[in-house]
Amino acid sequence: MFPFSANGGFYPTYSYVTKRDNDKVVEEYMVDGDQIVYEGYSNESETRVDYVYINFVSGGKVPILEQRTGVFRFTPLRYENKMR
């Protein structure tokens, strides 16, 4: 899975991988070189879904650039951050 432009050349963006369970997205990975951005979704109901975000650079001076956990709520649509 490599991103490319319409003429077949390399396009500088993340490569994406999505993991599904039944018809629900449970994990997404975005990769660019040594950087991996992970997003996880769990405990989905009609009113909410738990969310985890990790921005990681392999071999970096600070390997974990950012980490968040939170909840998406659907009524009304909003995001509540639980960890910075």
N, C-alpha and C. Protein backbone atom coordinates (compact mmCIF):
# COMPACT_ATOMS: atom_id res chain seq x y z
N MET A 1 0.83 -1.17 0.00
CA MET A 1 0.00 0.00 0.00
C MET A 1 0.88 1.25 0.00
N PHE A 2 1.11 1.79 -1.16
CA PHE A 2 1.92 2.99 -1.29
C PHE A 2 1.08 4.07 -1.97
N PRO A 3 1.07 5.26 -1.41
CA PRO A 3 0.31 6.34 -2.07
C PRO A 3 1.00 6.75 -3.37
N PHE A 4 0.22 7.15 -4.33
CA PHE A 4 0.77 7.56 -5.62
C PHE A 4 -0.14 8.59 -6.25
N SER A 5 0.40 9.30 -7.21
CA SER A 5 -0.38 10.32 -7.91
C SER A 5 -1.06 9.69 -9.13
N ALA A 6 -1.88 10.45 -9.79
CA ALA A 6 -2.60 9.95 -10.96
C ALA A 6 -1.66 9.47 -12.06
N ASN A 7 -0.47 10.10 -12.17
CA ASN A 7 0.47 9.67 -13.22
C ASN A 7 1.38 8.54 -12.75
N GLY A 8 1.14 7.99 -11.56
CA GLY A 8 1.90 6.84 -11.08
C GLY A 8 3.09 7.21 -10.22
N GLY A 9 3.40 8.48 -10.08
CA GLY A 9 4.54 8.90 -9.27
C GLY A 9 4.21 8.91 -7.80
N PHE A 10 5.26 8.94 -6.98
CA PHE A 10 5.09 8.96 -5.53
C PHE A 10 4.39 10.23 -5.10
N TYR A 11 3.49 10.10 -4.16
CA TYR A 11 2.79 11.24 -3.60
C TYR A 11 3.12 11.29 -2.10
N PRO A 12 3.69 12.39 -1.61
CA PRO A 12 4.18 12.44 -0.23
C PRO A 12 3.07 12.55 0.81
N THR A 13 2.60 11.44 1.27
CA THR A 13 1.57 11.41 2.29
C THR A 13 1.68 10.09 3.04
N TYR A 14 0.84 9.89 4.04
CA TYR A 14 0.85 8.65 4.79
C TYR A 14 0.26 7.50 3.97
N SER A 15 0.74 6.30 4.25
CA SER A 15 0.09 5.08 3.79
C SER A 15 -0.86 4.67 4.92
N TYR A 16 -2.07 4.27 4.57
CA TYR A 16 -3.09 3.96 5.57
C TYR A 16 -3.41 2.47 5.59
N VAL A 17 -3.65 1.97 6.80
CA VAL A 17 -4.16 0.62 6.99
C VAL A 17 -5.32 0.72 7.95
N THR A 18 -6.42 0.08 7.63
CA THR A 18 -7.61 0.10 8.48
C THR A 18 -7.98 -1.32 8.85
N LYS A 19 -8.18 -1.57 10.14
CA LYS A 19 -8.62 -2.88 10.62
C LYS A 19 -10.09 -2.76 11.02
N ARG A 20 -10.89 -3.67 10.50
CA ARG A 20 -12.33 -3.66 10.78
C ARG A 20 -12.72 -4.93 11.53
N ASP A 21 -13.74 -4.80 12.36
CA ASP A 21 -14.35 -5.94 13.03
C ASP A 21 -15.83 -5.85 12.72
N ASN A 22 -16.32 -6.83 11.98
CA ASN A 22 -17.65 -6.75 11.38
C ASN A 22 -17.63 -5.51 10.48
N ASP A 23 -18.51 -4.60 10.56
CA ASP A 23 -18.44 -3.43 9.69
C ASP A 23 -17.96 -2.19 10.42
N LYS A 24 -17.32 -2.36 11.57
CA LYS A 24 -16.85 -1.22 12.36
C LYS A 24 -15.34 -1.10 12.27
N VAL A 25 -14.86 0.13 12.14
CA VAL A 25 -13.42 0.39 12.17
C VAL A 25 -12.97 0.32 13.62
N VAL A 26 -11.96 -0.55 13.91
CA VAL A 26 -11.46 -0.68 15.28
C VAL A 26 -10.04 -0.13 15.43
N GLU A 27 -9.26 -0.10 14.33
CA GLU A 27 -7.91 0.44 14.37
C GLU A 27 -7.57 1.06 13.03
N GLU A 28 -6.76 2.11 13.07
CA GLU A 28 -6.23 2.72 11.86
C GLU A 28 -4.75 3.02 12.11
N TYR A 29 -3.94 2.78 11.09
CA TYR A 29 -2.52 3.08 11.16
C TYR A 29 -2.17 3.98 9.98
N MET A 30 -1.42 5.03 10.24
CA MET A 30 -0.90 5.91 9.19
C MET A 30 0.61 5.85 9.30
N VAL A 31 1.29 5.50 8.20
CA VAL A 31 2.74 5.29 8.23
C VAL A 31 3.40 6.18 7.19
N ASP A 32 4.50 6.82 7.61
CA ASP A 32 5.34 7.60 6.70
C ASP A 32 6.78 7.45 7.18
N GLY A 33 7.55 6.63 6.51
CA GLY A 33 8.93 6.37 6.93
C GLY A 33 8.95 5.71 8.29
N ASP A 34 9.63 6.34 9.26
CA ASP A 34 9.74 5.80 10.61
C ASP A 34 8.60 6.25 11.53
N GLN A 35 7.66 7.02 11.01
CA GLN A 35 6.56 7.52 11.83
C GLN A 35 5.32 6.65 11.65
N ILE A 36 4.72 6.29 12.78
CA ILE A 36 3.47 5.53 12.79
C ILE A 36 2.47 6.29 13.66
N VAL A 37 1.32 6.57 13.11
CA VAL A 37 0.23 7.19 13.88
C VAL A 37 -0.85 6.13 14.02
N TYR A 38 -1.18 5.82 15.26
CA TYR A 38 -2.17 4.78 15.58
C TYR A 38 -3.42 5.44 16.13
N GLU A 39 -4.59 4.96 15.68
CA GLU A 39 -5.87 5.37 16.24
C GLU A 39 -6.69 4.12 16.51
N GLY A 40 -7.19 3.98 17.73
CA GLY A 40 -8.00 2.83 18.10
C GLY A 40 -9.37 3.27 18.59
N TYR A 41 -10.38 2.48 18.25
CA TYR A 41 -11.77 2.78 18.61
C TYR A 41 -12.35 1.56 19.29
N SER A 42 -12.99 1.74 20.46
CA SER A 42 -13.53 0.59 21.18
C SER A 42 -14.79 0.99 21.96
N ASN A 43 -15.44 -0.03 22.50
CA ASN A 43 -16.64 0.16 23.33
C ASN A 43 -17.70 1.01 22.65
N GLU A 44 -17.85 0.83 21.36
CA GLU A 44 -18.82 1.64 20.61
C GLU A 44 -20.24 1.29 21.01
N SER A 45 -21.04 2.34 21.18
CA SER A 45 -22.47 2.18 21.42
C SER A 45 -23.19 3.19 20.54
N GLU A 46 -24.47 3.33 20.71
CA GLU A 46 -25.21 4.31 19.92
C GLU A 46 -24.91 5.74 20.36
N THR A 47 -24.32 5.90 21.54
CA THR A 47 -24.08 7.25 22.06
C THR A 47 -22.62 7.64 22.16
N ARG A 48 -21.67 6.67 22.06
CA ARG A 48 -20.26 6.99 22.28
C ARG A 48 -19.33 5.95 21.68
N VAL A 49 -18.04 6.32 21.59
CA VAL A 49 -16.97 5.38 21.24
C VAL A 49 -15.70 5.87 21.91
N ASP A 50 -14.96 4.97 22.55
CA ASP A 50 -13.68 5.32 23.18
C ASP A 50 -12.61 5.42 22.09
N TYR A 51 -11.64 6.31 22.33
CA TYR A 51 -10.64 6.64 21.31
C TYR A 51 -9.24 6.68 21.93
N VAL A 52 -8.25 6.11 21.22
CA VAL A 52 -6.84 6.16 21.61
C VAL A 52 -6.04 6.64 20.41
N TYR A 53 -5.09 7.55 20.65
CA TYR A 53 -4.24 8.11 19.59
C TYR A 53 -2.80 8.07 20.06
N ILE A 54 -1.89 7.51 19.24
CA ILE A 54 -0.47 7.49 19.56
C ILE A 54 0.30 7.88 18.30
N ASN A 55 1.16 8.89 18.42
CA ASN A 55 2.03 9.33 17.31
C ASN A 55 3.44 8.92 17.69
N PHE A 56 4.02 7.93 16.99
CA PHE A 56 5.27 7.27 17.36
C PHE A 56 6.29 7.40 16.24
N VAL A 57 7.54 7.69 16.60
CA VAL A 57 8.64 7.73 15.63
C VAL A 57 9.71 6.75 16.09
N SER A 58 9.90 5.68 15.33
CA SER A 58 10.90 4.67 15.66
C SER A 58 12.30 5.28 15.62
N GLY A 59 13.06 5.09 16.68
CA GLY A 59 14.43 5.59 16.73
C GLY A 59 14.53 7.07 17.03
N GLY A 60 13.42 7.71 17.30
CA GLY A 60 13.43 9.15 17.58
C GLY A 60 13.97 9.45 18.96
N LYS A 61 14.49 10.65 19.16
CA LYS A 61 14.99 11.07 20.47
C LYS A 61 13.88 10.96 21.50
N VAL A 62 12.67 11.34 21.10
CA VAL A 62 11.47 11.17 21.91
C VAL A 62 10.52 10.32 21.06
N PRO A 63 10.54 8.99 21.23
CA PRO A 63 9.77 8.12 20.32
C PRO A 63 8.26 8.39 20.29
N ILE A 64 7.66 8.69 21.43
CA ILE A 64 6.22 8.98 21.44
C ILE A 64 6.05 10.49 21.41
N LEU A 65 5.67 11.01 20.24
CA LEU A 65 5.51 12.45 20.07
C LEU A 65 4.24 12.96 20.72
N GLU A 66 3.19 12.14 20.69
CA GLU A 66 1.91 12.56 21.27
C GLU A 66 1.09 11.33 21.59
N GLN A 67 0.34 11.40 22.67
CA GLN A 67 -0.56 10.31 23.06
C GLN A 67 -1.81 10.92 23.66
N ARG A 68 -2.98 10.42 23.22
CA ARG A 68 -4.26 10.94 23.71
C ARG A 68 -5.23 9.79 23.92
N THR A 69 -6.08 9.93 24.88
CA THR A 69 -7.23 9.04 25.01
C THR A 69 -8.44 9.93 25.24
N GLY A 70 -9.57 9.46 24.78
CA GLY A 70 -10.78 10.25 24.94
C GLY A 70 -12.02 9.49 24.53
N VAL A 71 -13.09 10.23 24.43
CA VAL A 71 -14.40 9.66 24.08
C VAL A 71 -15.06 10.56 23.04
N PHE A 72 -15.53 9.95 21.96
CA PHE A 72 -16.41 10.64 21.03
C PHE A 72 -17.83 10.39 21.49
N ARG A 73 -18.59 11.44 21.64
CA ARG A 73 -20.02 11.32 21.98
C ARG A 73 -20.81 11.80 20.77
N PHE A 74 -21.94 11.15 20.52
CA PHE A 74 -22.68 11.40 19.29
C PHE A 74 -23.86 12.36 19.44
N THR A 75 -24.37 12.54 20.68
CA THR A 75 -25.54 13.39 20.85
C THR A 75 -25.31 14.39 21.95
N PRO A 76 -24.93 15.62 21.68
CA PRO A 76 -24.50 16.11 20.37
C PRO A 76 -23.08 15.63 20.08
N LEU A 77 -22.68 15.70 18.82
CA LEU A 77 -21.36 15.24 18.40
C LEU A 77 -20.28 16.10 19.05
N ARG A 78 -19.37 15.42 19.80
CA ARG A 78 -18.27 16.14 20.46
C ARG A 78 -17.19 15.13 20.84
N TYR A 79 -16.00 15.66 21.16
CA TYR A 79 -14.88 14.84 21.62
C TYR A 79 -14.46 15.32 22.99
N GLU A 80 -14.28 14.40 23.94
CA GLU A 80 -13.82 14.73 25.28
C GLU A 80 -12.45 14.09 25.49
N ASN A 81 -11.42 14.92 25.64
CA ASN A 81 -10.06 14.45 25.83
C ASN A 81 -9.87 13.99 27.27
N LYS A 82 -9.32 12.79 27.47
CA LYS A 82 -9.12 12.26 28.81
C LYS A 82 -7.67 12.34 29.27
N MET A 83 -6.72 12.41 28.30
CA MET A 83 -5.30 12.43 28.66
C MET A 83 -4.54 13.28 27.66
N ARG A 84 -3.59 14.05 28.11
CA ARG A 84 -2.77 14.86 27.22
C ARG A 84 -1.35 14.37 27.22
